[in-house]
Amino acid sequence: PTGLGEPALPPAGAAVANAIFKASGKRVR
């Protein structure tokens, strides 16, 4: 086993921001 209390947080924002771009054409930075 390796860590789990934190590793799933870092990629969350980009997964949503990149989906927002796909849906709207607007890049959130």
PDB file of all heavy atoms in Angstrom:
ATOM      1  N   PRO A   1       0.815  -1.223   0.000  1.00  0.00           N
ATOM      2  CA  PRO A   1       0.000   0.000   0.000  1.00  0.00           C
ATOM      3  C   PRO A   1       0.848   1.271   0.000  1.00  0.00           C
ATOM      4  O   PRO A   1       1.915   1.334   0.617  1.00  0.00           O
ATOM      5  CB  PRO A   1      -0.803  -0.106   1.300  1.00  0.00           C
ATOM      6  CG  PRO A   1      -0.773  -1.543   1.656  1.00  0.00           C
ATOM      7  CD  PRO A   1       0.546  -2.060   1.172  1.00  0.00           C
ATOM      8  N   THR A   2       0.349   2.260  -0.711  1.00  0.00           N
ATOM      9  CA  THR A   2       0.963   3.593  -0.703  1.00  0.00           C
ATOM     10  C   THR A   2      -0.082   4.594  -0.211  1.00  0.00           C
ATOM     11  O   THR A   2      -1.151   4.214   0.247  1.00  0.00           O
ATOM     12  CB  THR A   2       1.479   3.952  -2.105  1.00  0.00           C
ATOM     13  OG1 THR A   2       0.460   3.694  -3.075  1.00  0.00           O
ATOM     14  CG2 THR A   2       2.693   3.112  -2.473  1.00  0.00           C
ATOM     15  N   GLY A   3       0.212   5.882  -0.295  1.00  0.00           N
ATOM     16  CA  GLY A   3      -0.660   6.887   0.296  1.00  0.00           C
ATOM     17  C   GLY A   3      -2.015   6.996  -0.379  1.00  0.00           C
ATOM     18  O   GLY A   3      -2.168   6.701  -1.563  1.00  0.00           O
ATOM     19  N   LEU A   4      -3.035   7.452   0.386  1.00  0.00           N
ATOM     20  CA  LEU A   4      -4.361   7.615  -0.190  1.00  0.00           C
ATOM     21  C   LEU A   4      -5.120   8.810   0.370  1.00  0.00           C
ATOM     22  O   LEU A   4      -6.108   9.244  -0.211  1.00  0.00           O
ATOM     23  CB  LEU A   4      -5.188   6.338   0.010  1.00  0.00           C
ATOM     24  CG  LEU A   4      -6.456   6.215  -0.818  1.00  0.00           C
ATOM     25  CD1 LEU A   4      -6.155   6.345  -2.300  1.00  0.00           C
ATOM     26  CD2 LEU A   4      -7.166   4.900  -0.541  1.00  0.00           C
ATOM     27  N   GLY A   5      -4.677   9.373   1.483  1.00  0.00           N
ATOM     28  CA  GLY A   5      -5.405  10.493   2.073  1.00  0.00           C
ATOM     29  C   GLY A   5      -5.313  11.783   1.284  1.00  0.00           C
ATOM     30  O   GLY A   5      -6.124  12.687   1.480  1.00  0.00           O
ATOM     31  N   GLU A   6      -4.334  11.875   0.367  1.00  0.00           N
ATOM     32  CA  GLU A   6      -4.129  13.104  -0.385  1.00  0.00           C
ATOM     33  C   GLU A   6      -4.050  12.943  -1.908  1.00  0.00           C
ATOM     34  O   GLU A   6      -4.410  13.864  -2.641  1.00  0.00           O
ATOM     35  CB  GLU A   6      -2.847  13.795   0.113  1.00  0.00           C
ATOM     36  CG  GLU A   6      -2.968  14.267   1.552  1.00  0.00           C
ATOM     37  CD  GLU A   6      -1.631  14.620   2.180  1.00  0.00           C
ATOM     38  OE1 GLU A   6      -0.876  13.681   2.503  1.00  0.00           O
ATOM     39  OE2 GLU A   6      -1.352  15.815   2.354  1.00  0.00           O
ATOM     40  N   PRO A   7      -3.566  11.820  -2.452  1.00  0.00           N
ATOM     41  CA  PRO A   7      -3.258  11.755  -3.888  1.00  0.00           C
ATOM     42  C   PRO A   7      -4.420  12.002  -4.843  1.00  0.00           C
ATOM     43  O   PRO A   7      -4.195  12.379  -5.994  1.00  0.00           O
ATOM     44  CB  PRO A   7      -2.730  10.326  -4.059  1.00  0.00           C
ATOM     45  CG  PRO A   7      -2.215   9.947  -2.729  1.00  0.00           C
ATOM     46  CD  PRO A   7      -3.133  10.601  -1.751  1.00  0.00           C
ATOM     47  N   ALA A   8      -5.661  11.795  -4.415  1.00  0.00           N
ATOM     48  CA  ALA A   8      -6.793  12.000  -5.333  1.00  0.00           C
ATOM     49  C   ALA A   8      -7.236  13.456  -5.407  1.00  0.00           C
ATOM     50  O   ALA A   8      -8.054  13.801  -6.261  1.00  0.00           O
ATOM     51  CB  ALA A   8      -7.972  11.122  -4.919  1.00  0.00           C
ATOM     52  N   LEU A   9      -6.692  14.316  -4.528  1.00  0.00           N
ATOM     53  CA  LEU A   9      -7.072  15.732  -4.588  1.00  0.00           C
ATOM     54  C   LEU A   9      -6.376  16.487  -5.718  1.00  0.00           C
ATOM     55  O   LEU A   9      -7.034  17.228  -6.463  1.00  0.00           O
ATOM     56  CB  LEU A   9      -6.807  16.413  -3.239  1.00  0.00           C
ATOM     57  CG  LEU A   9      -7.306  17.855  -3.105  1.00  0.00           C
ATOM     58  CD1 LEU A   9      -7.698  18.164  -1.667  1.00  0.00           C
ATOM     59  CD2 LEU A   9      -6.286  18.891  -3.574  1.00  0.00           C
ATOM     60  N   PRO A  10      -5.049  16.364  -5.905  1.00  0.00           N
ATOM     61  CA  PRO A  10      -4.371  17.183  -6.918  1.00  0.00           C
ATOM     62  C   PRO A  10      -4.960  17.125  -8.322  1.00  0.00           C
ATOM     63  O   PRO A  10      -5.113  18.174  -8.969  1.00  0.00           O
ATOM     64  CB  PRO A  10      -2.931  16.652  -6.869  1.00  0.00           C
ATOM     65  CG  PRO A  10      -2.758  16.200  -5.458  1.00  0.00           C
ATOM     66  CD  PRO A  10      -4.081  15.598  -5.089  1.00  0.00           C
ATOM     67  N   PRO A  11      -5.334  15.955  -8.859  1.00  0.00           N
ATOM     68  CA  PRO A  11      -5.818  15.957 -10.246  1.00  0.00           C
ATOM     69  C   PRO A  11      -7.259  16.423 -10.421  1.00  0.00           C
ATOM     70  O   PRO A  11      -7.709  16.608 -11.561  1.00  0.00           O
ATOM     71  CB  PRO A  11      -5.678  14.487 -10.665  1.00  0.00           C
ATOM     72  CG  PRO A  11      -5.707  13.714  -9.408  1.00  0.00           C
ATOM     73  CD  PRO A  11      -5.137  14.587  -8.344  1.00  0.00           C
ATOM     74  N   ALA A  12      -7.999  16.635  -9.338  1.00  0.00           N
ATOM     75  CA  ALA A  12      -9.437  16.917  -9.451  1.00  0.00           C
ATOM     76  C   ALA A  12      -9.725  18.230 -10.175  1.00  0.00           C
ATOM     77  O   ALA A  12     -10.607  18.298 -11.043  1.00  0.00           O
ATOM     78  CB  ALA A  12     -10.076  16.920  -8.065  1.00  0.00           C
ATOM     79  N   GLY A  13      -9.021  19.293  -9.817  1.00  0.00           N
ATOM     80  CA  GLY A  13      -9.301  20.599 -10.409  1.00  0.00           C
ATOM     81  C   GLY A  13      -9.111  20.619 -11.908  1.00  0.00           C
ATOM     82  O   GLY A  13      -9.925  21.184 -12.655  1.00  0.00           O
ATOM     83  N   ALA A  14      -8.043  19.976 -12.386  1.00  0.00           N
ATOM     84  CA  ALA A  14      -7.766  19.978 -13.824  1.00  0.00           C
ATOM     85  C   ALA A  14      -8.766  19.136 -14.590  1.00  0.00           C
ATOM     86  O   ALA A  14      -9.142  19.471 -15.718  1.00  0.00           O
ATOM     87  CB  ALA A  14      -6.350  19.472 -14.082  1.00  0.00           C
ATOM     88  N   ALA A  15      -9.203  18.001 -14.008  1.00  0.00           N
ATOM     89  CA  ALA A  15     -10.201  17.169 -14.689  1.00  0.00           C
ATOM     90  C   ALA A  15     -11.464  17.972 -14.960  1.00  0.00           C
ATOM     91  O   ALA A  15     -12.072  17.868 -16.033  1.00  0.00           O
ATOM     92  CB  ALA A  15     -10.512  15.931 -13.849  1.00  0.00           C
ATOM     93  N   VAL A  16     -11.851  18.799 -14.005  1.00  0.00           N
ATOM     94  CA  VAL A  16     -13.051  19.630 -14.163  1.00  0.00           C
ATOM     95  C   VAL A  16     -12.777  20.799 -15.101  1.00  0.00           C
ATOM     96  O   VAL A  16     -13.587  21.107 -15.999  1.00  0.00           O
ATOM     97  CB  VAL A  16     -13.532  20.125 -12.786  1.00  0.00           C
ATOM     98  CG1 VAL A  16     -14.610  21.193 -12.940  1.00  0.00           C
ATOM     99  CG2 VAL A  16     -14.057  18.956 -11.960  1.00  0.00           C
ATOM    100  N   ALA A  17     -11.640  21.478 -14.925  1.00  0.00           N
ATOM    101  CA  ALA A  17     -11.324  22.637 -15.771  1.00  0.00           C
ATOM    102  C   ALA A  17     -11.212  22.230 -17.243  1.00  0.00           C
ATOM    103  O   ALA A  17     -11.688  22.947 -18.134  1.00  0.00           O
ATOM    104  CB  ALA A  17     -10.027  23.293 -15.307  1.00  0.00           C
ATOM    105  N   ASN A  18     -10.598  21.093 -17.499  1.00  0.00           N
ATOM    106  CA  ASN A  18     -10.472  20.632 -18.877  1.00  0.00           C
ATOM    107  C   ASN A  18     -11.826  20.229 -19.465  1.00  0.00           C
ATOM    108  O   ASN A  18     -12.063  20.382 -20.666  1.00  0.00           O
ATOM    109  CB  ASN A  18      -9.483  19.467 -18.951  1.00  0.00           C
ATOM    110  CG  ASN A  18      -8.052  19.907 -18.673  1.00  0.00           C
ATOM    111  OD1 ASN A  18      -7.691  21.065 -18.888  1.00  0.00           O
ATOM    112  ND2 ASN A  18      -7.227  18.984 -18.175  1.00  0.00           N
ATOM    113  N   ALA A  19     -12.719  19.734 -18.610  1.00  0.00           N
ATOM    114  CA  ALA A  19     -14.077  19.416 -19.070  1.00  0.00           C
ATOM    115  C   ALA A  19     -14.869  20.691 -19.341  1.00  0.00           C
ATOM    116  O   ALA A  19     -15.678  20.748 -20.278  1.00  0.00           O
ATOM    117  CB  ALA A  19     -14.792  18.554 -18.034  1.00  0.00           C
ATOM    118  N   ILE A  20     -14.642  21.716 -18.511  1.00  0.00           N
ATOM    119  CA  ILE A  20     -15.297  23.007 -18.738  1.00  0.00           C
ATOM    120  C   ILE A  20     -14.884  23.563 -20.099  1.00  0.00           C
ATOM    121  O   ILE A  20     -15.712  24.093 -20.856  1.00  0.00           O
ATOM    122  CB  ILE A  20     -14.954  23.995 -17.601  1.00  0.00           C
ATOM    123  CG1 ILE A  20     -15.651  23.581 -16.308  1.00  0.00           C
ATOM    124  CG2 ILE A  20     -15.355  25.426 -17.983  1.00  0.00           C
ATOM    125  CD1 ILE A  20     -15.249  24.398 -15.096  1.00  0.00           C
ATOM    126  N   PHE A  21     -13.603  23.433 -20.421  1.00  0.00           N
ATOM    127  CA  PHE A  21     -13.134  23.896 -21.732  1.00  0.00           C
ATOM    128  C   PHE A  21     -13.819  23.116 -22.854  1.00  0.00           C
ATOM    129  O   PHE A  21     -14.231  23.683 -23.871  1.00  0.00           O
ATOM    130  CB  PHE A  21     -11.616  23.744 -21.837  1.00  0.00           C
ATOM    131  CG  PHE A  21     -11.080  24.073 -23.194  1.00  0.00           C
ATOM    132  CD1 PHE A  21     -10.934  25.386 -23.603  1.00  0.00           C
ATOM    133  CD2 PHE A  21     -10.743  23.057 -24.092  1.00  0.00           C
ATOM    134  CE1 PHE A  21     -10.454  25.706 -24.870  1.00  0.00           C
ATOM    135  CE2 PHE A  21     -10.261  23.358 -25.353  1.00  0.00           C
ATOM    136  CZ  PHE A  21     -10.122  24.682 -25.750  1.00  0.00           C
ATOM    137  N   LYS A  22     -13.936  21.802 -22.670  1.00  0.00           N
ATOM    138  CA  LYS A  22     -14.561  20.973 -23.709  1.00  0.00           C
ATOM    139  C   LYS A  22     -16.027  21.372 -23.900  1.00  0.00           C
ATOM    140  O   LYS A  22     -16.543  21.373 -25.027  1.00  0.00           O
ATOM    141  CB  LYS A  22     -14.463  19.504 -23.291  1.00  0.00           C
ATOM    142  CG  LYS A  22     -14.785  18.526 -24.397  1.00  0.00           C
ATOM    143  CD  LYS A  22     -13.678  18.478 -25.433  1.00  0.00           C
ATOM    144  CE  LYS A  22     -13.919  17.390 -26.471  1.00  0.00           C
ATOM    145  NZ  LYS A  22     -13.715  16.039 -25.918  1.00  0.00           N
ATOM    146  N   ALA A  23     -16.689  21.730 -22.789  1.00  0.00           N
ATOM    147  CA  ALA A  23     -18.112  22.061 -22.866  1.00  0.00           C
ATOM    148  C   ALA A  23     -18.362  23.478 -23.364  1.00  0.00           C
ATOM    149  O   ALA A  23     -19.356  23.737 -24.045  1.00  0.00           O
ATOM    150  CB  ALA A  23     -18.755  21.878 -21.488  1.00  0.00           C
ATOM    151  N   SER A  24     -17.460  24.414 -23.023  1.00  0.00           N
ATOM    152  CA  SER A  24     -17.742  25.837 -23.280  1.00  0.00           C
ATOM    153  C   SER A  24     -16.759  26.509 -24.224  1.00  0.00           C
ATOM    154  O   SER A  24     -17.018  27.606 -24.731  1.00  0.00           O
ATOM    155  CB  SER A  24     -17.734  26.601 -21.959  1.00  0.00           C
ATOM    156  OG  SER A  24     -16.424  26.613 -21.394  1.00  0.00           O
ATOM    157  N   GLY A  25     -15.576  25.889 -24.429  1.00  0.00           N
ATOM    158  CA  GLY A  25     -14.543  26.534 -25.228  1.00  0.00           C
ATOM    159  C   GLY A  25     -13.762  27.583 -24.465  1.00  0.00           C
ATOM    160  O   GLY A  25     -12.929  28.281 -25.038  1.00  0.00           O
ATOM    161  N   LYS A  26     -13.998  27.685 -23.144  1.00  0.00           N
ATOM    162  CA  LYS A  26     -13.314  28.677 -22.308  1.00  0.00           C
ATOM    163  C   LYS A  26     -12.297  27.991 -21.409  1.00  0.00           C
ATOM    164  O   LYS A  26     -12.607  27.014 -20.726  1.00  0.00           O
ATOM    165  CB  LYS A  26     -14.326  29.450 -21.453  1.00  0.00           C
ATOM    166  CG  LYS A  26     -15.379  30.208 -22.264  1.00  0.00           C
ATOM    167  CD  LYS A  26     -14.769  31.371 -23.021  1.00  0.00           C
ATOM    168  CE  LYS A  26     -15.845  32.184 -23.742  1.00  0.00           C
ATOM    169  NZ  LYS A  26     -15.281  33.335 -24.475  1.00  0.00           N
ATOM    170  N   ARG A  27     -11.091  28.523 -21.404  1.00  0.00           N
ATOM    171  CA  ARG A  27     -10.007  27.944 -20.617  1.00  0.00           C
ATOM    172  C   ARG A  27      -9.910  28.663 -19.273  1.00  0.00           C
ATOM    173  O   ARG A  27      -9.639  29.868 -19.218  1.00  0.00           O
ATOM    174  CB  ARG A  27      -8.690  28.074 -21.366  1.00  0.00           C
ATOM    175  CG  ARG A  27      -7.508  27.449 -20.685  1.00  0.00           C
ATOM    176  CD  ARG A  27      -7.558  25.943 -20.698  1.00  0.00           C
ATOM    177  NE  ARG A  27      -7.439  25.377 -22.042  1.00  0.00           N
ATOM    178  CZ  ARG A  27      -7.490  24.075 -22.305  1.00  0.00           C
ATOM    179  NH1 ARG A  27      -7.694  23.209 -21.316  1.00  0.00           N
ATOM    180  NH2 ARG A  27      -7.372  23.631 -23.549  1.00  0.00           N
ATOM    181  N   VAL A  28     -10.141  27.927 -18.188  1.00  0.00           N
ATOM    182  CA  VAL A  28     -10.064  28.491 -16.840  1.00  0.00           C
ATOM    183  C   VAL A  28      -8.654  28.268 -16.305  1.00  0.00           C
ATOM    184  O   VAL A  28      -8.187  27.134 -16.219  1.00  0.00           O
ATOM    185  CB  VAL A  28     -11.100  27.824 -15.910  1.00  0.00           C
ATOM    186  CG1 VAL A  28     -11.001  28.416 -14.506  1.00  0.00           C
ATOM    187  CG2 VAL A  28     -12.507  27.995 -16.463  1.00  0.00           C
ATOM    188  N   ARG A  29      -7.986  29.362 -15.940  1.00  0.00           N
ATOM    189  CA  ARG A  29      -6.594  29.247 -15.491  1.00  0.00           C
ATOM    190  C   ARG A  29      -6.384  29.705 -14.053  1.00  0.00           C
ATOM    191  O   ARG A  29      -5.289  29.551 -13.519  1.00  0.00           O
ATOM    192  CB  ARG A  29      -5.679  30.075 -16.410  1.00  0.00           C
ATOM    193  CG  ARG A  29      -5.633  29.592 -17.859  1.00  0.00           C
ATOM    194  CD  ARG A  29      -4.495  30.274 -18.606  1.00  0.00           C
ATOM    195  NE  ARG A  29      -4.414  29.830 -20.000  1.00  0.00           N
ATOM    196  CZ  ARG A  29      -4.971  30.479 -21.013  1.00  0.00           C
ATOM    197  NH1 ARG A  29      -5.638  31.615 -20.795  1.00  0.00           N
ATOM    198  NH2 ARG A  29      -4.859  30.018 -22.238  1.00  0.00           N
TER     199      ARG A  29
END
